[in-house]
Every structure is written in C-alpha cells, then in structure tokens.
Amino acid sequence: MSALARGSDTRDQGLLRLEEAEREYVHALYLAHARALRGYAVRLGFPGEAADDLLQETFLAAIRRVDALKQCREPRAYLLQILRNVIGSRLRSRKTAERILDRFRDPEDETIGQGYRDELAPEILLKGLIGDEELRLLLRFYQEGRSVKELAGELGIDPGACYMRLKRAREHLRAALEKEDLL
C-alpha cells in the first residue's frame, strides 16, 4: 500500500494538507486508477518499486494540481499525462547522470560497470562542478527533502535569503552542466 493510500506523510508534507473533500477526491482517484497507471509503468519497463515510485510521484503531482484535476472531464487521461511527464523527467535525469558518470569514467577501469551506475551518489558525480556549500545545500533540499524554512533555520538566515541561495546554486549547477555539455 502506498504512502498516499495510507494517508501517511511523505517528504512533501505541505502537499498533503488538503481539505477533506479534496483528500477524499484524490483517494477515490487513487483507488480507481492506481492499478491501471502502475500497469502502464510496468509495461513501459519500470518493474516493481520503480513503478511504485512513478505512481507516487504521479499522485503527488496530481495533488499539486488538484483544482485542475477536479475540473477535468477525463481524470484518467489527465493522470496518464502526468505519469508520462514523470517518466520523461526520470529518463532525462538518468541520461544526465550517465553523461556525468561518463565524464569521470576511466575507459580502462571495468569496476564501474552498468550495475554500479545507480549506486553512485550525486555528491560524487557533481563534485567540482559547483562549490561544496552550494552542492550541500542542493542535496539537502532535493535529496533529503528539507524545506527552505528548515534550511534557513539551520543556516541561521532568513528564508528569503535561503531561497535565493538555492536559486543561485541551481543556476550555477545548470551553467556548469551546460558548460560541460551535460545538459
């Protein structure tokens, strides 16, 4: 059973603070369409936990757009489009990670094979592209799921200043990836 079906919090807690009617609506959509959406992901080559992850990301995105979803005449089609977008993002991220890994890979070294690609940490792959402090901030935000407010408190700065630091770190990372022809 997924986190959404259980009603438990995820790292995106703010999104799950819906009105009761909206919560019931999304839950009903989950019950009606989750099996078909997961089956679609499996047929596209995402087995088991990967399909479950895609399904969870799809419903988190649906929660963000619950107002548009409620006005949609065909919610399954809308959810399928969200799932396609999530899959596309996942594939683009994987290709970028592989290009970054290839940048560091020694052609003579056979120890880093296909099986090791998913195990390499982003901090190893991205080290040297941007400053260590910026990288740590991005990883804590995206990988650990910390909020801007939490990070600001830990850094002892205003949330607005923390938001700007995150924005600049993303811009620096994007520029570095583009410079290395990785984006």
N, C-alpha and C. Protein backbone atom coordinates (compact mmCIF):
# COMPACT_ATOMS: atom_id res chain seq x y z
N MET A 1 0.86 -1.18 0.00
CA MET A 1 0.00 0.00 0.00
C MET A 1 0.89 1.23 0.00
N SER A 2 0.58 2.22 -0.81
CA SER A 2 1.43 3.40 -0.94
C SER A 2 1.21 4.36 0.21
N ALA A 3 2.11 5.33 0.28
CA ALA A 3 2.02 6.36 1.32
C ALA A 3 0.72 7.16 1.17
N LEU A 4 0.29 7.38 -0.07
CA LEU A 4 -0.94 8.13 -0.30
C LEU A 4 -2.14 7.34 0.20
N ALA A 5 -2.17 6.05 -0.09
CA ALA A 5 -3.30 5.23 0.32
C ALA A 5 -3.38 5.13 1.84
N ARG A 6 -2.23 5.08 2.51
CA ARG A 6 -2.21 5.01 3.97
C ARG A 6 -2.50 6.35 4.60
N GLY A 7 -2.31 7.43 3.84
CA GLY A 7 -2.53 8.75 4.39
C GLY A 7 -1.36 9.24 5.21
N SER A 8 -0.20 8.56 5.12
CA SER A 8 0.95 8.98 5.90
C SER A 8 1.65 10.13 5.20
N ASP A 9 2.43 10.86 5.99
CA ASP A 9 3.18 11.98 5.42
C ASP A 9 4.36 11.47 4.62
N THR A 10 4.73 12.23 3.62
CA THR A 10 5.93 11.96 2.86
C THR A 10 6.82 13.18 3.03
N ARG A 11 7.93 13.23 2.28
CA ARG A 11 8.81 14.39 2.42
C ARG A 11 8.13 15.65 1.91
N ASP A 12 7.05 15.52 1.18
CA ASP A 12 6.33 16.66 0.63
C ASP A 12 5.08 16.92 1.47
N GLN A 13 5.22 17.07 2.78
CA GLN A 13 4.11 17.13 3.70
C GLN A 13 3.12 18.24 3.40
N GLY A 14 3.59 19.38 2.95
CA GLY A 14 2.71 20.50 2.70
C GLY A 14 1.65 20.19 1.65
N LEU A 15 1.99 19.31 0.72
CA LEU A 15 1.03 18.97 -0.33
C LEU A 15 -0.11 18.11 0.20
N LEU A 16 0.13 17.41 1.28
CA LEU A 16 -0.89 16.51 1.79
C LEU A 16 -1.86 17.20 2.75
N ARG A 17 -1.67 18.50 2.93
CA ARG A 17 -2.59 19.26 3.77
C ARG A 17 -3.73 19.78 2.91
N LEU A 18 -4.57 18.86 2.50
CA LEU A 18 -5.70 19.20 1.64
C LEU A 18 -6.97 19.30 2.48
N GLU A 19 -7.94 19.96 1.90
CA GLU A 19 -9.26 19.95 2.52
C GLU A 19 -9.77 18.51 2.48
N GLU A 20 -10.64 18.17 3.40
CA GLU A 20 -11.15 16.79 3.49
C GLU A 20 -11.78 16.33 2.17
N ALA A 21 -12.55 17.20 1.52
CA ALA A 21 -13.19 16.82 0.26
C ALA A 21 -12.15 16.55 -0.83
N GLU A 22 -11.10 17.36 -0.87
CA GLU A 22 -10.04 17.14 -1.86
C GLU A 22 -9.29 15.85 -1.56
N ARG A 23 -9.04 15.59 -0.29
CA ARG A 23 -8.35 14.36 0.10
C ARG A 23 -9.16 13.14 -0.33
N GLU A 24 -10.46 13.19 -0.08
CA GLU A 24 -11.33 12.08 -0.48
C GLU A 24 -11.37 11.93 -1.99
N TYR A 25 -11.37 13.05 -2.71
CA TYR A 25 -11.39 13.01 -4.17
C TYR A 25 -10.12 12.34 -4.72
N VAL A 26 -8.97 12.76 -4.21
CA VAL A 26 -7.70 12.18 -4.67
C VAL A 26 -7.62 10.71 -4.28
N HIS A 27 -8.07 10.39 -3.09
CA HIS A 27 -8.06 8.98 -2.65
C HIS A 27 -8.96 8.13 -3.55
N ALA A 28 -10.11 8.66 -3.90
CA ALA A 28 -11.01 7.92 -4.81
C ALA A 28 -10.36 7.74 -6.18
N LEU A 29 -9.66 8.77 -6.66
CA LEU A 29 -8.94 8.64 -7.94
C LEU A 29 -7.85 7.59 -7.83
N TYR A 30 -7.16 7.59 -6.70
CA TYR A 30 -6.12 6.60 -6.49
C TYR A 30 -6.71 5.19 -6.55
N LEU A 31 -7.79 4.97 -5.83
CA LEU A 31 -8.42 3.65 -5.82
C LEU A 31 -8.91 3.25 -7.21
N ALA A 32 -9.41 4.21 -7.96
CA ALA A 32 -9.97 3.91 -9.28
C ALA A 32 -8.91 3.71 -10.36
N HIS A 33 -7.78 4.40 -10.25
CA HIS A 33 -6.84 4.43 -11.38
C HIS A 33 -5.42 3.94 -11.08
N ALA A 34 -5.07 3.75 -9.84
CA ALA A 34 -3.69 3.40 -9.49
C ALA A 34 -3.24 2.11 -10.17
N ARG A 35 -4.08 1.11 -10.18
CA ARG A 35 -3.69 -0.18 -10.77
C ARG A 35 -3.39 -0.03 -12.26
N ALA A 36 -4.22 0.70 -12.97
CA ALA A 36 -4.01 0.90 -14.41
C ALA A 36 -2.75 1.73 -14.67
N LEU A 37 -2.54 2.76 -13.87
CA LEU A 37 -1.35 3.60 -14.04
C LEU A 37 -0.08 2.81 -13.75
N ARG A 38 -0.11 2.01 -12.69
CA ARG A 38 1.06 1.19 -12.35
C ARG A 38 1.31 0.18 -13.46
N GLY A 39 0.25 -0.42 -13.97
CA GLY A 39 0.39 -1.38 -15.07
C GLY A 39 1.01 -0.74 -16.30
N TYR A 40 0.62 0.48 -16.58
CA TYR A 40 1.20 1.22 -17.71
C TYR A 40 2.69 1.41 -17.50
N ALA A 41 3.09 1.80 -16.29
CA ALA A 41 4.51 2.00 -15.99
C ALA A 41 5.28 0.68 -16.12
N VAL A 42 4.69 -0.41 -15.66
CA VAL A 42 5.35 -1.71 -15.76
C VAL A 42 5.50 -2.10 -17.23
N ARG A 43 4.48 -1.89 -18.03
CA ARG A 43 4.56 -2.22 -19.47
C ARG A 43 5.62 -1.39 -20.18
N LEU A 44 5.90 -0.20 -19.66
CA LEU A 44 6.94 0.64 -20.26
C LEU A 44 8.35 0.26 -19.77
N GLY A 45 8.43 -0.75 -18.89
CA GLY A 45 9.74 -1.24 -18.47
C GLY A 45 10.20 -0.79 -17.10
N PHE A 46 9.28 -0.35 -16.25
CA PHE A 46 9.62 0.06 -14.89
C PHE A 46 9.00 -0.95 -13.92
N PRO A 47 9.75 -1.98 -13.56
CA PRO A 47 9.19 -3.05 -12.72
C PRO A 47 9.12 -2.68 -11.24
N GLY A 48 8.25 -3.35 -10.52
CA GLY A 48 8.20 -3.31 -9.06
C GLY A 48 8.25 -1.94 -8.43
N GLU A 49 9.31 -1.73 -7.64
CA GLU A 49 9.45 -0.50 -6.87
C GLU A 49 9.57 0.73 -7.76
N ALA A 50 10.18 0.58 -8.92
CA ALA A 50 10.29 1.72 -9.84
C ALA A 50 8.90 2.18 -10.28
N ALA A 51 8.02 1.24 -10.57
CA ALA A 51 6.64 1.59 -10.95
C ALA A 51 5.91 2.23 -9.77
N ASP A 52 6.15 1.70 -8.58
CA ASP A 52 5.52 2.29 -7.38
C ASP A 52 6.00 3.72 -7.16
N ASP A 53 7.29 3.96 -7.36
CA ASP A 53 7.84 5.32 -7.22
C ASP A 53 7.20 6.27 -8.23
N LEU A 54 7.07 5.81 -9.47
CA LEU A 54 6.45 6.64 -10.51
C LEU A 54 5.00 6.94 -10.16
N LEU A 55 4.31 5.94 -9.64
CA LEU A 55 2.91 6.13 -9.24
C LEU A 55 2.80 7.16 -8.12
N GLN A 56 3.70 7.07 -7.15
CA GLN A 56 3.68 8.04 -6.05
C GLN A 56 3.96 9.45 -6.55
N GLU A 57 4.97 9.60 -7.42
CA GLU A 57 5.28 10.91 -7.97
C GLU A 57 4.11 11.45 -8.78
N THR A 58 3.41 10.57 -9.48
CA THR A 58 2.26 10.98 -10.28
C THR A 58 1.17 11.55 -9.38
N PHE A 59 0.89 10.88 -8.27
CA PHE A 59 -0.17 11.36 -7.39
C PHE A 59 0.26 12.59 -6.59
N LEU A 60 1.54 12.72 -6.30
CA LEU A 60 2.00 13.96 -5.67
C LEU A 60 1.81 15.14 -6.62
N ALA A 61 2.12 14.92 -7.90
CA ALA A 61 1.90 15.97 -8.90
C ALA A 61 0.41 16.26 -9.05
N ALA A 62 -0.40 15.22 -8.99
CA ALA A 62 -1.85 15.40 -9.09
C ALA A 62 -2.38 16.23 -7.91
N ILE A 63 -1.82 15.99 -6.73
CA ILE A 63 -2.23 16.75 -5.55
C ILE A 63 -1.89 18.23 -5.74
N ARG A 64 -0.72 18.50 -6.33
CA ARG A 64 -0.34 19.89 -6.58
C ARG A 64 -1.33 20.57 -7.52
N ARG A 65 -1.93 19.78 -8.40
CA ARG A 65 -2.85 20.33 -9.41
C ARG A 65 -4.29 19.87 -9.18
N VAL A 66 -4.65 19.68 -7.92
CA VAL A 66 -5.95 19.11 -7.62
C VAL A 66 -7.10 19.96 -8.17
N ASP A 67 -6.96 21.27 -8.18
CA ASP A 67 -8.03 22.12 -8.71
C ASP A 67 -8.26 21.86 -10.20
N ALA A 68 -7.19 21.79 -10.96
CA ALA A 68 -7.31 21.49 -12.40
C ALA A 68 -7.83 20.08 -12.60
N LEU A 69 -7.40 19.16 -11.79
CA LEU A 69 -7.83 17.77 -11.90
C LEU A 69 -9.32 17.63 -11.64
N LYS A 70 -9.82 18.38 -10.68
CA LYS A 70 -11.25 18.31 -10.36
C LYS A 70 -12.12 18.83 -11.50
N GLN A 71 -11.57 19.73 -12.31
CA GLN A 71 -12.34 20.28 -13.43
C GLN A 71 -12.22 19.44 -14.70
N CYS A 72 -11.35 18.46 -14.67
CA CYS A 72 -11.08 17.63 -15.84
C CYS A 72 -12.21 16.63 -16.06
N ARG A 73 -12.62 16.50 -17.32
CA ARG A 73 -13.68 15.54 -17.64
C ARG A 73 -13.17 14.11 -17.64
N GLU A 74 -11.91 13.91 -17.96
CA GLU A 74 -11.31 12.58 -18.02
C GLU A 74 -10.11 12.51 -17.08
N PRO A 75 -10.33 12.28 -15.80
CA PRO A 75 -9.21 12.29 -14.85
C PRO A 75 -8.15 11.23 -15.16
N ARG A 76 -8.56 10.06 -15.69
CA ARG A 76 -7.57 9.03 -16.00
C ARG A 76 -6.61 9.52 -17.08
N ALA A 77 -7.12 10.18 -18.10
CA ALA A 77 -6.27 10.71 -19.16
C ALA A 77 -5.32 11.77 -18.58
N TYR A 78 -5.83 12.60 -17.69
CA TYR A 78 -5.01 13.62 -17.05
C TYR A 78 -3.90 12.96 -16.23
N LEU A 79 -4.25 11.94 -15.46
CA LEU A 79 -3.27 11.22 -14.64
C LEU A 79 -2.24 10.50 -15.52
N LEU A 80 -2.68 9.94 -16.64
CA LEU A 80 -1.74 9.29 -17.56
C LEU A 80 -0.74 10.30 -18.13
N GLN A 81 -1.22 11.49 -18.43
CA GLN A 81 -0.30 12.51 -18.94
C GLN A 81 0.70 12.93 -17.87
N ILE A 82 0.25 13.04 -16.63
CA ILE A 82 1.17 13.34 -15.54
C ILE A 82 2.21 12.22 -15.43
N LEU A 83 1.77 10.96 -15.50
CA LEU A 83 2.68 9.83 -15.42
C LEU A 83 3.70 9.87 -16.56
N ARG A 84 3.26 10.17 -17.77
CA ARG A 84 4.18 10.29 -18.91
C ARG A 84 5.23 11.38 -18.65
N ASN A 85 4.79 12.50 -18.10
CA ASN A 85 5.72 13.60 -17.78
C ASN A 85 6.72 13.17 -16.71
N VAL A 86 6.26 12.45 -15.70
CA VAL A 86 7.14 11.97 -14.64
C VAL A 86 8.17 10.99 -15.22
N ILE A 87 7.72 10.10 -16.09
CA ILE A 87 8.63 9.14 -16.73
C ILE A 87 9.65 9.88 -17.58
N GLY A 88 9.21 10.87 -18.33
CA GLY A 88 10.13 11.66 -19.15
C GLY A 88 11.18 12.35 -18.31
N SER A 89 10.78 12.92 -17.20
CA SER A 89 11.73 13.57 -16.29
C SER A 89 12.72 12.56 -15.73
N ARG A 90 12.22 11.40 -15.37
CA ARG A 90 13.10 10.36 -14.82
C ARG A 90 14.13 9.93 -15.86
N LEU A 91 13.69 9.75 -17.11
CA LEU A 91 14.62 9.31 -18.16
C LEU A 91 15.65 10.40 -18.46
N ARG A 92 15.21 11.67 -18.50
CA ARG A 92 16.17 12.75 -18.73
C ARG A 92 17.19 12.82 -17.61
N SER A 93 16.75 12.65 -16.37
CA SER A 93 17.66 12.66 -15.23
C SER A 93 18.67 11.53 -15.32
N ARG A 94 18.19 10.35 -15.71
CA ARG A 94 19.08 9.20 -15.82
C ARG A 94 20.13 9.43 -16.91
N LYS A 95 19.69 9.98 -18.05
CA LYS A 95 20.65 10.25 -19.13
C LYS A 95 21.69 11.27 -18.70
N THR A 96 21.26 12.31 -17.99
CA THR A 96 22.20 13.31 -17.49
C THR A 96 23.18 12.68 -16.52
N ALA A 97 22.69 11.84 -15.62
CA ALA A 97 23.57 11.18 -14.65
C ALA A 97 24.58 10.29 -15.37
N GLU A 98 24.14 9.60 -16.40
CA GLU A 98 25.07 8.74 -17.15
C GLU A 98 26.13 9.56 -17.87
N ARG A 99 25.74 10.71 -18.42
CA ARG A 99 26.73 11.57 -19.08
C ARG A 99 27.73 12.11 -18.07
N ILE A 100 27.24 12.46 -16.87
CA ILE A 100 28.14 12.94 -15.83
C ILE A 100 29.09 11.81 -15.42
N LEU A 101 28.56 10.61 -15.24
CA LEU A 101 29.40 9.47 -14.87
C LEU A 101 30.44 9.20 -15.95
N ASP A 102 30.05 9.27 -17.20
CA ASP A 102 30.99 9.02 -18.30
C ASP A 102 32.12 10.05 -18.30
N ARG A 103 31.84 11.24 -17.81
CA ARG A 103 32.88 12.28 -17.72
C ARG A 103 34.01 11.85 -16.79
N PHE A 104 33.68 11.08 -15.74
CA PHE A 104 34.66 10.67 -14.75
C PHE A 104 35.18 9.25 -14.96
N ARG A 105 34.58 8.52 -15.83
CA ARG A 105 34.90 7.11 -16.00
C ARG A 105 36.20 6.92 -16.76
N ASP A 106 37.01 6.04 -16.24
CA ASP A 106 38.25 5.66 -16.89
C ASP A 106 37.94 4.48 -17.81
N PRO A 107 38.17 4.62 -19.12
CA PRO A 107 37.83 3.54 -20.04
C PRO A 107 38.55 2.23 -19.73
N GLU A 108 39.69 2.31 -19.04
CA GLU A 108 40.46 1.12 -18.69
C GLU A 108 39.89 0.41 -17.45
N ASP A 109 39.07 1.14 -16.67
CA ASP A 109 38.57 0.61 -15.40
C ASP A 109 37.24 -0.09 -15.62
N GLU A 110 37.22 -1.39 -15.42
CA GLU A 110 35.99 -2.17 -15.61
C GLU A 110 35.17 -2.28 -14.33
N THR A 111 35.65 -1.73 -13.21
CA THR A 111 34.91 -1.88 -11.96
C THR A 111 33.65 -1.04 -11.93
N ILE A 112 33.61 0.02 -12.73
CA ILE A 112 32.39 0.83 -12.78
C ILE A 112 31.63 0.41 -14.02
N GLY A 113 30.83 -0.58 -13.85
CA GLY A 113 30.01 -1.09 -14.95
C GLY A 113 28.60 -0.61 -14.83
N GLN A 114 27.75 -1.13 -15.65
CA GLN A 114 26.34 -0.72 -15.67
C GLN A 114 25.69 -0.89 -14.29
N GLY A 115 26.02 -1.96 -13.58
CA GLY A 115 25.39 -2.22 -12.29
C GLY A 115 25.71 -1.20 -11.23
N TYR A 116 26.81 -0.48 -11.38
CA TYR A 116 27.21 0.50 -10.37
C TYR A 116 26.65 1.88 -10.63
N ARG A 117 26.11 2.14 -11.78
CA ARG A 117 25.66 3.48 -12.14
C ARG A 117 24.65 4.05 -11.14
N ASP A 118 23.68 3.26 -10.73
CA ASP A 118 22.64 3.75 -9.84
C ASP A 118 23.13 3.93 -8.41
N GLU A 119 24.26 3.32 -8.06
CA GLU A 119 24.74 3.37 -6.69
C GLU A 119 25.63 4.58 -6.42
N LEU A 120 26.10 5.26 -7.45
CA LEU A 120 26.98 6.40 -7.24
C LEU A 120 26.19 7.59 -6.73
N ALA A 121 26.68 8.17 -5.68
CA ALA A 121 25.98 9.28 -5.04
C ALA A 121 26.12 10.55 -5.88
N PRO A 122 25.08 11.39 -5.89
CA PRO A 122 25.14 12.65 -6.63
C PRO A 122 26.30 13.54 -6.21
N GLU A 123 26.65 13.50 -4.90
CA GLU A 123 27.75 14.36 -4.46
C GLU A 123 29.07 13.97 -5.10
N ILE A 124 29.23 12.68 -5.45
CA ILE A 124 30.44 12.24 -6.15
C ILE A 124 30.40 12.70 -7.60
N LEU A 125 29.24 12.55 -8.23
CA LEU A 125 29.11 12.89 -9.64
C LEU A 125 29.20 14.39 -9.89
N LEU A 126 28.71 15.19 -8.95
CA LEU A 126 28.63 16.63 -9.16
C LEU A 126 29.78 17.41 -8.52
N LYS A 127 30.62 16.72 -7.77
CA LYS A 127 31.72 17.39 -7.08
C LYS A 127 32.60 18.11 -8.09
N GLY A 128 32.93 19.33 -7.79
CA GLY A 128 33.80 20.10 -8.66
C GLY A 128 33.05 20.92 -9.70
N LEU A 129 31.77 20.62 -9.92
CA LEU A 129 31.01 21.42 -10.89
C LEU A 129 30.56 22.74 -10.27
N ILE A 130 30.20 22.70 -8.98
CA ILE A 130 29.83 23.92 -8.25
C ILE A 130 30.50 23.85 -6.89
N GLY A 131 30.41 24.92 -6.14
CA GLY A 131 31.04 24.96 -4.82
C GLY A 131 30.45 23.93 -3.87
N ASP A 132 31.26 23.48 -2.93
CA ASP A 132 30.82 22.46 -1.98
C ASP A 132 29.61 22.91 -1.16
N GLU A 133 29.61 24.18 -0.74
CA GLU A 133 28.49 24.68 0.06
C GLU A 133 27.19 24.69 -0.75
N GLU A 134 27.28 25.11 -2.00
CA GLU A 134 26.09 25.11 -2.87
C GLU A 134 25.60 23.68 -3.11
N LEU A 135 26.53 22.78 -3.34
CA LEU A 135 26.17 21.38 -3.58
C LEU A 135 25.49 20.78 -2.36
N ARG A 136 26.05 21.03 -1.17
CA ARG A 136 25.42 20.51 0.06
C ARG A 136 24.01 21.07 0.23
N LEU A 137 23.83 22.36 -0.05
CA LEU A 137 22.51 22.98 0.07
C LEU A 137 21.51 22.31 -0.88
N LEU A 138 21.90 22.12 -2.13
CA LEU A 138 21.02 21.47 -3.11
C LEU A 138 20.69 20.04 -2.71
N LEU A 139 21.68 19.30 -2.26
CA LEU A 139 21.44 17.91 -1.86
C LEU A 139 20.52 17.83 -0.65
N ARG A 140 20.69 18.72 0.30
CA ARG A 140 19.82 18.71 1.48
C ARG A 140 18.40 19.07 1.10
N PHE A 141 18.24 19.95 0.12
CA PHE A 141 16.90 20.35 -0.31
C PHE A 141 16.24 19.24 -1.13
N TYR A 142 16.94 18.75 -2.16
CA TYR A 142 16.33 17.79 -3.08
C TYR A 142 16.41 16.35 -2.60
N GLN A 143 17.55 15.94 -2.08
CA GLN A 143 17.73 14.55 -1.71
C GLN A 143 17.14 14.24 -0.34
N GLU A 144 17.37 15.13 0.61
CA GLU A 144 16.87 14.89 1.96
C GLU A 144 15.46 15.43 2.17
N GLY A 145 14.99 16.25 1.24
CA GLY A 145 13.63 16.77 1.33
C GLY A 145 13.43 17.85 2.36
N ARG A 146 14.50 18.57 2.71
CA ARG A 146 14.38 19.66 3.67
C ARG A 146 13.65 20.83 3.02
N SER A 147 12.86 21.54 3.81
CA SER A 147 12.17 22.72 3.30
C SER A 147 13.10 23.93 3.36
N VAL A 148 12.74 24.98 2.63
CA VAL A 148 13.52 26.22 2.66
C VAL A 148 13.55 26.76 4.09
N LYS A 149 12.44 26.69 4.77
CA LYS A 149 12.36 27.20 6.14
C LYS A 149 13.30 26.42 7.07
N GLU A 150 13.33 25.08 6.92
CA GLU A 150 14.22 24.26 7.75
C GLU A 150 15.68 24.60 7.48
N LEU A 151 16.02 24.69 6.19
CA LEU A 151 17.40 25.01 5.83
C LEU A 151 17.80 26.39 6.33
N ALA A 152 16.89 27.35 6.21
CA ALA A 152 17.18 28.70 6.68
C ALA A 152 17.45 28.69 8.18
N GLY A 153 16.64 27.94 8.93
CA GLY A 153 16.85 27.84 10.37
C GLY A 153 18.20 27.23 10.70
N GLU A 154 18.58 26.19 9.98
CA GLU A 154 19.87 25.53 10.22
C GLU A 154 21.05 26.45 9.87
N LEU A 155 20.86 27.26 8.84
CA LEU A 155 21.94 28.15 8.40
C LEU A 155 21.93 29.48 9.17
N GLY A 156 20.85 29.73 9.91
CA GLY A 156 20.74 30.97 10.66
C GLY A 156 20.50 32.18 9.77
N ILE A 157 19.76 31.98 8.68
CA ILE A 157 19.44 33.08 7.75
C ILE A 157 17.95 33.15 7.53
N ASP A 158 17.53 34.22 6.92
CA ASP A 158 16.13 34.44 6.58
C ASP A 158 15.70 33.45 5.49
N PRO A 159 14.46 32.93 5.51
CA PRO A 159 14.01 32.02 4.45
C PRO A 159 14.12 32.63 3.04
N GLY A 160 13.92 33.92 2.92
CA GLY A 160 14.07 34.57 1.61
C GLY A 160 15.51 34.49 1.11
N ALA A 161 16.46 34.67 2.03
CA ALA A 161 17.88 34.57 1.67
C ALA A 161 18.23 33.13 1.29
N CYS A 162 17.66 32.18 2.01
CA CYS A 162 17.90 30.76 1.71
C CYS A 162 17.34 30.41 0.34
N TYR A 163 16.15 30.92 0.04
CA TYR A 163 15.55 30.69 -1.28
C TYR A 163 16.47 31.22 -2.38
N MET A 164 17.03 32.41 -2.16
CA MET A 164 17.94 32.99 -3.17
C MET A 164 19.22 32.17 -3.30
N ARG A 165 19.73 31.63 -2.20
CA ARG A 165 20.91 30.78 -2.28
C ARG A 165 20.62 29.52 -3.09
N LEU A 166 19.44 28.93 -2.86
CA LEU A 166 19.05 27.76 -3.63
C LEU A 166 18.92 28.10 -5.12
N LYS A 167 18.31 29.23 -5.39
CA LYS A 167 18.13 29.66 -6.78
C LYS A 167 19.48 29.85 -7.46
N ARG A 168 20.40 30.53 -6.79
CA ARG A 168 21.74 30.74 -7.37
C ARG A 168 22.48 29.42 -7.53
N ALA A 169 22.34 28.52 -6.57
CA ALA A 169 23.02 27.22 -6.67
C ALA A 169 22.48 26.43 -7.87
N ARG A 170 21.16 26.47 -8.09
CA ARG A 170 20.58 25.80 -9.26
C ARG A 170 21.10 26.42 -10.55
N GLU A 171 21.17 27.76 -10.57
CA GLU A 171 21.68 28.44 -11.76
C GLU A 171 23.14 28.08 -12.03
N HIS A 172 23.95 28.03 -10.98
CA HIS A 172 25.36 27.67 -11.13
C HIS A 172 25.50 26.23 -11.62
N LEU A 173 24.68 25.33 -11.06
CA LEU A 173 24.74 23.93 -11.48
C LEU A 173 24.33 23.79 -12.94
N ARG A 174 23.25 24.46 -13.32
CA ARG A 174 22.80 24.40 -14.71
C ARG A 174 23.88 24.93 -15.65
N ALA A 175 24.49 26.06 -15.30
CA ALA A 175 25.54 26.64 -16.14
C ALA A 175 26.73 25.68 -16.25
N ALA A 176 27.10 25.06 -15.12
CA ALA A 176 28.24 24.13 -15.15
C ALA A 176 27.93 22.90 -15.99
N LEU A 177 26.71 22.38 -15.87
CA LEU A 177 26.33 21.21 -16.67
C LEU A 177 26.28 21.56 -18.17
N GLU A 178 25.78 22.77 -18.48
CA GLU A 178 25.75 23.18 -19.87
C GLU A 178 27.17 23.39 -20.42
N LYS A 179 28.05 23.96 -19.59
CA LYS A 179 29.43 24.19 -20.00
C LYS A 179 30.14 22.87 -20.31
N GLU A 180 29.84 21.84 -19.51
CA GLU A 180 30.44 20.53 -19.73
C GLU A 180 29.67 19.72 -20.77
N ASP A 181 28.65 20.35 -21.39
CA ASP A 181 27.81 19.70 -22.39
C ASP A 181 27.11 18.46 -21.82
N LEU A 182 26.64 18.61 -20.58
CA LEU A 182 25.93 17.52 -19.91
C LEU A 182 24.43 17.77 -19.84
N LEU A 183 24.01 18.91 -20.29
CA LEU A 183 22.56 19.22 -20.30
C LEU A 183 22.12 19.50 -21.70
